[in-house]
Amino acid sequence: AKKTKPSLAFSKLYRYNAGRYRVVATNAGGTATSNESKLVVYYKPIFTTNIVKQSVNEDESTSFIVAVDTLDSKGTTATYTWYKDKKTVKDGANGVSGAKTATLTIAAAKAENYGTYYCNIKNGVGTVKSASAKLTVILKPYATKVPKDLSLVEGKSATFSASVKGAKPMTYQWQKDGSPISKQTKNKLSLRGIKPSDSGTYSLVATNPAGSLTLNATLT
């Protein structure tokens, strides 16, 4: 907008007000132009990249990255503080690095890294908070109960069982001496009327999207 008074005032400054200004005065005798004045407008950080929720397999690396446009009397730098579940994140805890930078990295995700993350970014004008983003860690299969070795006489029944936890979906396959046993796809295996030929190593292979687990037991 054209301003026609000898003074120029802003009721509220915005970034787009920054620039170089001068006044041109005109009367019947001619025109005079002032020296140029530079207006610098400082502003709190403005996000150009924000964080979003993530899913990562156990033991894989992942990062949360923010980027901001920022300017204060000290320049274009800012300070970063990351939080997980509203508690300050510290470098070295649970494989985390970059807790005071724009990039928070988790070197090998574990169950302990699961949670909601956000970043506070501060400069000399103010502080802004990033979006909150949930990190889901897809856990590999792990055993809470393992099958036991069995030593039985011929004709008895043998039962192997295990309890396995981890991310879903979970599939199971029993093997004997490394070869799959047909239609044995649960966490329990029952053999009736055992014979000497049934002796061997029985394995339960549990598999989910993050990996697999093999549990062994012998029958003699």
C-alpha atoms as a PDB file:
ATOM      1  CA  ALA A   1       0.000   0.000   0.000  1.00  0.00           C
ATOM      2  CA  LYS A   2       1.179   3.544  -0.719  1.00  0.00           C
ATOM      3  CA  LYS A   3       2.108   5.555   2.396  1.00  0.00           C
ATOM      4  CA  THR A   4       1.958   9.369   2.124  1.00  0.00           C
ATOM      5  CA  LYS A   5       2.984  10.589   5.576  1.00  0.00           C
ATOM      6  CA  PRO A   6       6.456  11.607   6.726  1.00  0.00           C
ATOM      7  CA  SER A   7       6.593   8.718   9.178  1.00  0.00           C
ATOM      8  CA  LEU A   8       5.946   5.006   8.620  1.00  0.00           C
ATOM      9  CA  ALA A   9       4.673   2.907  11.518  1.00  0.00           C
ATOM     10  CA  PHE A  10       3.760  -0.768  11.842  1.00  0.00           C
ATOM     11  CA  SER A  11       1.234  -1.768  14.502  1.00  0.00           C
ATOM     12  CA  LYS A  12       2.501  -5.330  14.240  1.00  0.00           C
ATOM     13  CA  LEU A  13       5.541  -6.611  12.428  1.00  0.00           C
ATOM     14  CA  TYR A  14       5.626  -9.688  10.211  1.00  0.00           C
ATOM     15  CA  ARG A  15       8.448 -11.370   8.360  1.00  0.00           C
ATOM     16  CA  TYR A  16       7.274  -9.961   5.052  1.00  0.00           C
ATOM     17  CA  ASN A  17       7.705  -6.412   6.416  1.00  0.00           C
ATOM     18  CA  ALA A  18      11.469  -6.881   6.342  1.00  0.00           C
ATOM     19  CA  GLY A  19      13.239  -4.952   3.619  1.00  0.00           C
ATOM     20  CA  ARG A  20      14.770  -1.624   2.622  1.00  0.00           C
ATOM     21  CA  TYR A  21      12.754   1.582   2.993  1.00  0.00           C
ATOM     22  CA  ARG A  22      13.148   5.228   1.952  1.00  0.00           C
ATOM     23  CA  VAL A  23      10.888   8.246   1.786  1.00  0.00           C
ATOM     24  CA  VAL A  24      10.404  10.487  -1.202  1.00  0.00           C
ATOM     25  CA  ALA A  25       9.265  14.045  -0.362  1.00  0.00           C
ATOM     26  CA  THR A  26       7.796  16.217  -3.094  1.00  0.00           C
ATOM     27  CA  ASN A  27       6.598  19.833  -3.216  1.00  0.00           C
ATOM     28  CA  ALA A  28       6.406  22.645  -5.765  1.00  0.00           C
ATOM     29  CA  GLY A  29      10.114  23.113  -5.510  1.00  0.00           C
ATOM     30  CA  GLY A  30      11.044  19.562  -6.391  1.00  0.00           C
ATOM     31  CA  THR A  31      11.683  16.120  -4.950  1.00  0.00           C
ATOM     32  CA  ALA A  32      14.026  14.844  -2.264  1.00  0.00           C
ATOM     33  CA  THR A  33      14.762  11.204  -1.507  1.00  0.00           C
ATOM     34  CA  SER A  34      16.009  10.012   1.879  1.00  0.00           C
ATOM     35  CA  ASN A  35      18.778   7.569   2.514  1.00  0.00           C
ATOM     36  CA  GLU A  36      17.706   3.947   2.528  1.00  0.00           C
ATOM     37  CA  SER A  37      16.933   2.280   5.863  1.00  0.00           C
ATOM     38  CA  LYS A  38      16.949  -1.461   6.383  1.00  0.00           C
ATOM     39  CA  LEU A  39      14.273  -3.132   8.508  1.00  0.00           C
ATOM     40  CA  VAL A  40      15.153  -6.546   9.920  1.00  0.00           C
ATOM     41  CA  VAL A  41      12.321  -8.533  11.461  1.00  0.00           C
ATOM     42  CA  TYR A  42      13.260 -11.248  13.919  1.00  0.00           C
ATOM     43  CA  TYR A  43      10.882 -14.179  14.314  1.00  0.00           C
ATOM     44  CA  LYS A  44      10.554 -17.392  16.249  1.00  0.00           C
ATOM     45  CA  PRO A  45      11.248 -20.682  14.454  1.00  0.00           C
ATOM     46  CA  ILE A  46       8.855 -21.651  11.663  1.00  0.00           C
ATOM     47  CA  PHE A  47       8.649 -25.315  10.662  1.00  0.00           C
ATOM     48  CA  THR A  48       9.579 -26.278   7.122  1.00  0.00           C
ATOM     49  CA  THR A  49       9.783 -30.002   7.968  1.00  0.00           C
ATOM     50  CA  ASN A  50       7.839 -31.663  10.768  1.00  0.00           C
ATOM     51  CA  ILE A  51       7.778 -35.185  12.173  1.00  0.00           C
ATOM     52  CA  VAL A  52       5.250 -37.946  11.505  1.00  0.00           C
ATOM     53  CA  LYS A  53       4.507 -41.287  13.146  1.00  0.00           C
ATOM     54  CA  GLN A  54       6.745 -44.233  12.301  1.00  0.00           C
ATOM     55  CA  SER A  55       6.911 -48.003  12.611  1.00  0.00           C
ATOM     56  CA  VAL A  56      10.283 -49.712  12.729  1.00  0.00           C
ATOM     57  CA  ASN A  57      11.407 -53.308  13.137  1.00  0.00           C
ATOM     58  CA  GLU A  58      13.301 -54.186  16.299  1.00  0.00           C
ATOM     59  CA  ASP A  59      17.073 -53.567  15.968  1.00  0.00           C
ATOM     60  CA  GLU A  60      16.651 -51.348  12.904  1.00  0.00           C
ATOM     61  CA  SER A  61      17.635 -47.679  12.958  1.00  0.00           C
ATOM     62  CA  THR A  62      15.293 -44.746  12.512  1.00  0.00           C
ATOM     63  CA  SER A  63      15.306 -40.953  12.845  1.00  0.00           C
ATOM     64  CA  PHE A  64      12.956 -38.091  13.554  1.00  0.00           C
ATOM     65  CA  ILE A  65      13.922 -34.941  11.633  1.00  0.00           C
ATOM     66  CA  VAL A  66      12.690 -31.362  11.966  1.00  0.00           C
ATOM     67  CA  ALA A  67      13.708 -28.299   9.971  1.00  0.00           C
ATOM     68  CA  VAL A  68      12.918 -24.655  10.701  1.00  0.00           C
ATOM     69  CA  ASP A  69      13.320 -21.184   9.281  1.00  0.00           C
ATOM     70  CA  THR A  70      14.527 -18.952  12.103  1.00  0.00           C
ATOM     71  CA  LEU A  71      16.079 -15.519  12.683  1.00  0.00           C
ATOM     72  CA  ASP A  72      16.974 -13.590  15.812  1.00  0.00           C
ATOM     73  CA  SER A  73      19.638 -11.096  16.853  1.00  0.00           C
ATOM     74  CA  LYS A  74      22.219 -13.898  16.945  1.00  0.00           C
ATOM     75  CA  GLY A  75      21.465 -15.175  13.479  1.00  0.00           C
ATOM     76  CA  THR A  76      19.733 -18.249  12.098  1.00  0.00           C
ATOM     77  CA  THR A  77      20.602 -20.742  14.830  1.00  0.00           C
ATOM     78  CA  ALA A  78      18.216 -22.324  17.319  1.00  0.00           C
ATOM     79  CA  THR A  79      18.322 -24.821  20.189  1.00  0.00           C
ATOM     80  CA  TYR A  80      16.578 -28.181  20.050  1.00  0.00           C
ATOM     81  CA  THR A  81      15.200 -30.288  22.894  1.00  0.00           C
ATOM     82  CA  TRP A  82      13.604 -33.666  22.177  1.00  0.00           C
ATOM     83  CA  TYR A  83      11.010 -35.325  24.386  1.00  0.00           C
ATOM     84  CA  LYS A  84       9.643 -38.854  24.635  1.00  0.00           C
ATOM     85  CA  ASP A  85       6.377 -39.300  26.508  1.00  0.00           C
ATOM     86  CA  LYS A  86       6.846 -35.742  27.871  1.00  0.00           C
ATOM     87  CA  LYS A  87      10.286 -36.543  29.355  1.00  0.00           C
ATOM     88  CA  THR A  88      13.533 -35.060  28.059  1.00  0.00           C
ATOM     89  CA  VAL A  89      15.491 -37.405  25.806  1.00  0.00           C
ATOM     90  CA  LYS A  90      19.170 -37.845  26.645  1.00  0.00           C
ATOM     91  CA  ASP A  91      21.952 -38.949  24.341  1.00  0.00           C
ATOM     92  CA  GLY A  92      23.142 -42.492  24.995  1.00  0.00           C
ATOM     93  CA  ALA A  93      19.910 -43.648  26.614  1.00  0.00           C
ATOM     94  CA  ASN A  94      18.489 -46.657  24.746  1.00  0.00           C
ATOM     95  CA  GLY A  95      20.736 -46.071  21.754  1.00  0.00           C
ATOM     96  CA  VAL A  96      19.605 -42.478  21.146  1.00  0.00           C
ATOM     97  CA  SER A  97      21.769 -39.703  19.694  1.00  0.00           C
ATOM     98  CA  GLY A  98      21.122 -36.143  18.504  1.00  0.00           C
ATOM     99  CA  ALA A  99      18.904 -35.175  21.445  1.00  0.00           C
ATOM    100  CA  LYS A 100      20.036 -31.535  21.099  1.00  0.00           C
ATOM    101  CA  THR A 101      19.962 -31.356  17.310  1.00  0.00           C
ATOM    102  CA  ALA A 102      17.400 -31.259  14.521  1.00  0.00           C
ATOM    103  CA  THR A 103      17.796 -35.009  13.945  1.00  0.00           C
ATOM    104  CA  LEU A 104      17.020 -37.536  16.671  1.00  0.00           C
ATOM    105  CA  THR A 105      18.433 -40.958  15.789  1.00  0.00           C
ATOM    106  CA  ILE A 106      17.737 -44.343  17.337  1.00  0.00           C
ATOM    107  CA  ALA A 107      20.511 -46.709  16.303  1.00  0.00           C
ATOM    108  CA  ALA A 108      18.784 -50.023  17.049  1.00  0.00           C
ATOM    109  CA  ALA A 109      15.155 -49.767  18.081  1.00  0.00           C
ATOM    110  CA  LYS A 110      14.030 -51.686  21.152  1.00  0.00           C
ATOM    111  CA  ALA A 111      10.814 -51.965  23.125  1.00  0.00           C
ATOM    112  CA  GLU A 112      12.099 -49.154  25.361  1.00  0.00           C
ATOM    113  CA  ASN A 113      12.090 -46.751  22.390  1.00  0.00           C
ATOM    114  CA  TYR A 114       8.344 -47.140  21.846  1.00  0.00           C
ATOM    115  CA  GLY A 115       6.480 -43.918  22.664  1.00  0.00           C
ATOM    116  CA  THR A 116       5.436 -40.469  21.518  1.00  0.00           C
ATOM    117  CA  TYR A 117       8.118 -37.958  20.523  1.00  0.00           C
ATOM    118  CA  TYR A 118       8.201 -34.216  19.916  1.00  0.00           C
ATOM    119  CA  CYS A 119      10.770 -31.426  19.753  1.00  0.00           C
ATOM    120  CA  ASN A 120      10.844 -27.939  21.283  1.00  0.00           C
ATOM    121  CA  ILE A 121      12.812 -25.436  19.203  1.00  0.00           C
ATOM    122  CA  LYS A 122      13.871 -22.123  20.695  1.00  0.00           C
ATOM    123  CA  ASN A 123      15.549 -18.934  19.554  1.00  0.00           C
ATOM    124  CA  GLY A 124      15.773 -15.425  20.971  1.00  0.00           C
ATOM    125  CA  VAL A 125      12.204 -14.588  19.917  1.00  0.00           C
ATOM    126  CA  GLY A 126      10.293 -17.597  21.159  1.00  0.00           C
ATOM    127  CA  THR A 127       9.764 -21.337  21.379  1.00  0.00           C
ATOM    128  CA  VAL A 128       7.741 -23.617  19.120  1.00  0.00           C
ATOM    129  CA  LYS A 129       6.705 -27.242  19.565  1.00  0.00           C
ATOM    130  CA  SER A 130       6.771 -29.759  16.765  1.00  0.00           C
ATOM    131  CA  ALA A 131       4.004 -32.201  15.988  1.00  0.00           C
ATOM    132  CA  SER A 132       3.817 -35.236  18.275  1.00  0.00           C
ATOM    133  CA  ALA A 133       4.721 -38.489  16.524  1.00  0.00           C
ATOM    134  CA  LYS A 134       4.357 -42.037  17.788  1.00  0.00           C
ATOM    135  CA  LEU A 135       7.141 -44.552  17.284  1.00  0.00           C
ATOM    136  CA  THR A 136       5.952 -48.161  17.110  1.00  0.00           C
ATOM    137  CA  VAL A 137       8.635 -50.829  17.485  1.00  0.00           C
ATOM    138  CA  ILE A 138       7.731 -54.121  15.815  1.00  0.00           C
ATOM    139  CA  LEU A 139       9.243 -56.669  18.178  1.00  0.00           C
ATOM    140  CA  LYS A 140      10.852 -59.891  17.003  1.00  0.00           C
ATOM    141  CA  PRO A 141       9.510 -63.169  18.412  1.00  0.00           C
ATOM    142  CA  TYR A 142      10.833 -63.934  21.880  1.00  0.00           C
ATOM    143  CA  ALA A 143      10.178 -66.903  24.152  1.00  0.00           C
ATOM    144  CA  THR A 144       8.539 -66.739  27.560  1.00  0.00           C
ATOM    145  CA  LYS A 145       8.444 -70.548  27.750  1.00  0.00           C
ATOM    146  CA  VAL A 146      10.707 -72.943  25.850  1.00  0.00           C
ATOM    147  CA  PRO A 147      10.053 -76.588  24.904  1.00  0.00           C
ATOM    148  CA  LYS A 148      11.695 -79.146  27.192  1.00  0.00           C
ATOM    149  CA  ASP A 149      13.818 -82.115  26.238  1.00  0.00           C
ATOM    150  CA  LEU A 150      11.993 -85.426  26.664  1.00  0.00           C
ATOM    151  CA  SER A 151      13.216 -88.934  27.318  1.00  0.00           C
ATOM    152  CA  LEU A 152      10.382 -91.482  27.068  1.00  0.00           C
ATOM    153  CA  VAL A 153       9.792 -95.167  26.548  1.00  0.00           C
ATOM    154  CA  GLU A 154       8.292 -96.495  23.329  1.00  0.00           C
ATOM    155  CA  GLY A 155       4.520 -96.208  23.095  1.00  0.00           C
ATOM    156  CA  LYS A 156       4.186 -93.138  25.282  1.00  0.00           C
ATOM    157  CA  SER A 157       2.915 -89.739  24.133  1.00  0.00           C
ATOM    158  CA  ALA A 158       5.262 -86.792  23.716  1.00  0.00           C
ATOM    159  CA  THR A 159       4.209 -83.161  23.912  1.00  0.00           C
ATOM    160  CA  PHE A 160       6.373 -80.143  23.137  1.00  0.00           C
ATOM    161  CA  SER A 161       5.055 -76.642  23.749  1.00  0.00           C
ATOM    162  CA  ALA A 162       6.352 -73.102  23.884  1.00  0.00           C
ATOM    163  CA  SER A 163       5.068 -69.608  24.573  1.00  0.00           C
ATOM    164  CA  VAL A 164       6.240 -66.916  22.195  1.00  0.00           C
ATOM    165  CA  LYS A 165       5.490 -63.217  22.222  1.00  0.00           C
ATOM    166  CA  GLY A 166       6.209 -60.401  19.782  1.00  0.00           C
ATOM    167  CA  ALA A 167       4.481 -58.457  17.043  1.00  0.00           C
ATOM    168  CA  LYS A 168       1.506 -59.902  15.198  1.00  0.00           C
ATOM    169  CA  PRO A 169       0.839 -61.702  12.956  1.00  0.00           C
ATOM    170  CA  MET A 170       2.851 -64.644  14.293  1.00  0.00           C
ATOM    171  CA  THR A 171       3.199 -67.949  12.443  1.00  0.00           C
ATOM    172  CA  TYR A 172       4.548 -71.264  13.730  1.00  0.00           C
ATOM    173  CA  GLN A 173       6.124 -74.284  12.063  1.00  0.00           C
ATOM    174  CA  TRP A 174       7.420 -77.405  13.793  1.00  0.00           C
ATOM    175  CA  GLN A 175      10.390 -79.246  12.324  1.00  0.00           C
ATOM    176  CA  LYS A 176      12.052 -82.573  12.996  1.00  0.00           C
ATOM    177  CA  ASP A 177      15.780 -82.660  12.374  1.00  0.00           C
ATOM    178  CA  GLY A 178      15.446 -79.546  10.225  1.00  0.00           C
ATOM    179  CA  SER A 179      12.540 -80.718   8.049  1.00  0.00           C
ATOM    180  CA  PRO A 180       9.022 -79.235   8.386  1.00  0.00           C
ATOM    181  CA  ILE A 181       6.355 -81.457   9.903  1.00  0.00           C
ATOM    182  CA  SER A 182       3.169 -81.320   7.839  1.00  0.00           C
ATOM    183  CA  LYS A 183       0.208 -79.425   9.346  1.00  0.00           C
ATOM    184  CA  GLN A 184       2.041 -78.683  12.618  1.00  0.00           C
ATOM    185  CA  THR A 185       1.632 -74.901  12.675  1.00  0.00           C
ATOM    186  CA  LYS A 186       0.737 -74.122  16.279  1.00  0.00           C
ATOM    187  CA  ASN A 187       2.910 -73.555  19.338  1.00  0.00           C
ATOM    188  CA  LYS A 188       2.216 -77.087  20.601  1.00  0.00           C
ATOM    189  CA  LEU A 189       3.230 -80.435  19.109  1.00  0.00           C
ATOM    190  CA  SER A 190       1.785 -83.767  20.300  1.00  0.00           C
ATOM    191  CA  LEU A 191       3.095 -87.182  19.258  1.00  0.00           C
ATOM    192  CA  ARG A 192       1.172 -90.330  20.214  1.00  0.00           C
ATOM    193  CA  GLY A 193       2.553 -93.843  20.467  1.00  0.00           C
ATOM    194  CA  ILE A 194       6.138 -92.816  19.878  1.00  0.00           C
ATOM    195  CA  LYS A 195       8.593 -95.164  18.177  1.00  0.00           C
ATOM    196  CA  PRO A 196      12.410 -95.212  18.110  1.00  0.00           C
ATOM    197  CA  SER A 197      12.244 -93.523  14.701  1.00  0.00           C
ATOM    198  CA  ASP A 198      10.598 -90.498  16.383  1.00  0.00           C
ATOM    199  CA  SER A 199      13.801 -89.730  18.266  1.00  0.00           C
ATOM    200  CA  GLY A 200      15.521 -86.554  17.147  1.00  0.00           C
ATOM    201  CA  THR A 201      15.601 -82.779  17.474  1.00  0.00           C
ATOM    202  CA  TYR A 202      12.297 -80.970  17.311  1.00  0.00           C
ATOM    203  CA  SER A 203      12.265 -77.262  16.521  1.00  0.00           C
ATOM    204  CA  LEU A 204       9.588 -74.612  16.675  1.00  0.00           C
ATOM    205  CA  VAL A 205      10.178 -71.766  14.228  1.00  0.00           C
ATOM    206  CA  ALA A 206       8.149 -68.665  15.128  1.00  0.00           C
ATOM    207  CA  THR A 207       8.062 -65.906  12.513  1.00  0.00           C
ATOM    208  CA  ASN A 208       6.596 -62.388  12.435  1.00  0.00           C
ATOM    209  CA  PRO A 209       7.251 -59.255  10.312  1.00  0.00           C
ATOM    210  CA  ALA A 210      10.360 -58.360  12.376  1.00  0.00           C
ATOM    211  CA  GLY A 211      12.158 -61.705  12.307  1.00  0.00           C
ATOM    212  CA  SER A 212      12.106 -65.312  13.425  1.00  0.00           C
ATOM    213  CA  LEU A 213      12.975 -67.420  16.462  1.00  0.00           C
ATOM    214  CA  THR A 214      13.942 -71.086  16.565  1.00  0.00           C
ATOM    215  CA  LEU A 215      13.473 -73.121  19.747  1.00  0.00           C
ATOM    216  CA  ASN A 216      14.908 -76.644  19.975  1.00  0.00           C
ATOM    217  CA  ALA A 217      14.206 -79.697  22.119  1.00  0.00           C
ATOM    218  CA  THR A 218      15.227 -83.339  21.822  1.00  0.00           C
ATOM    219  CA  LEU A 219      13.259 -86.564  22.093  1.00  0.00           C
ATOM    220  CA  THR A 220      15.137 -89.677  23.118  1.00  0.00           C
END
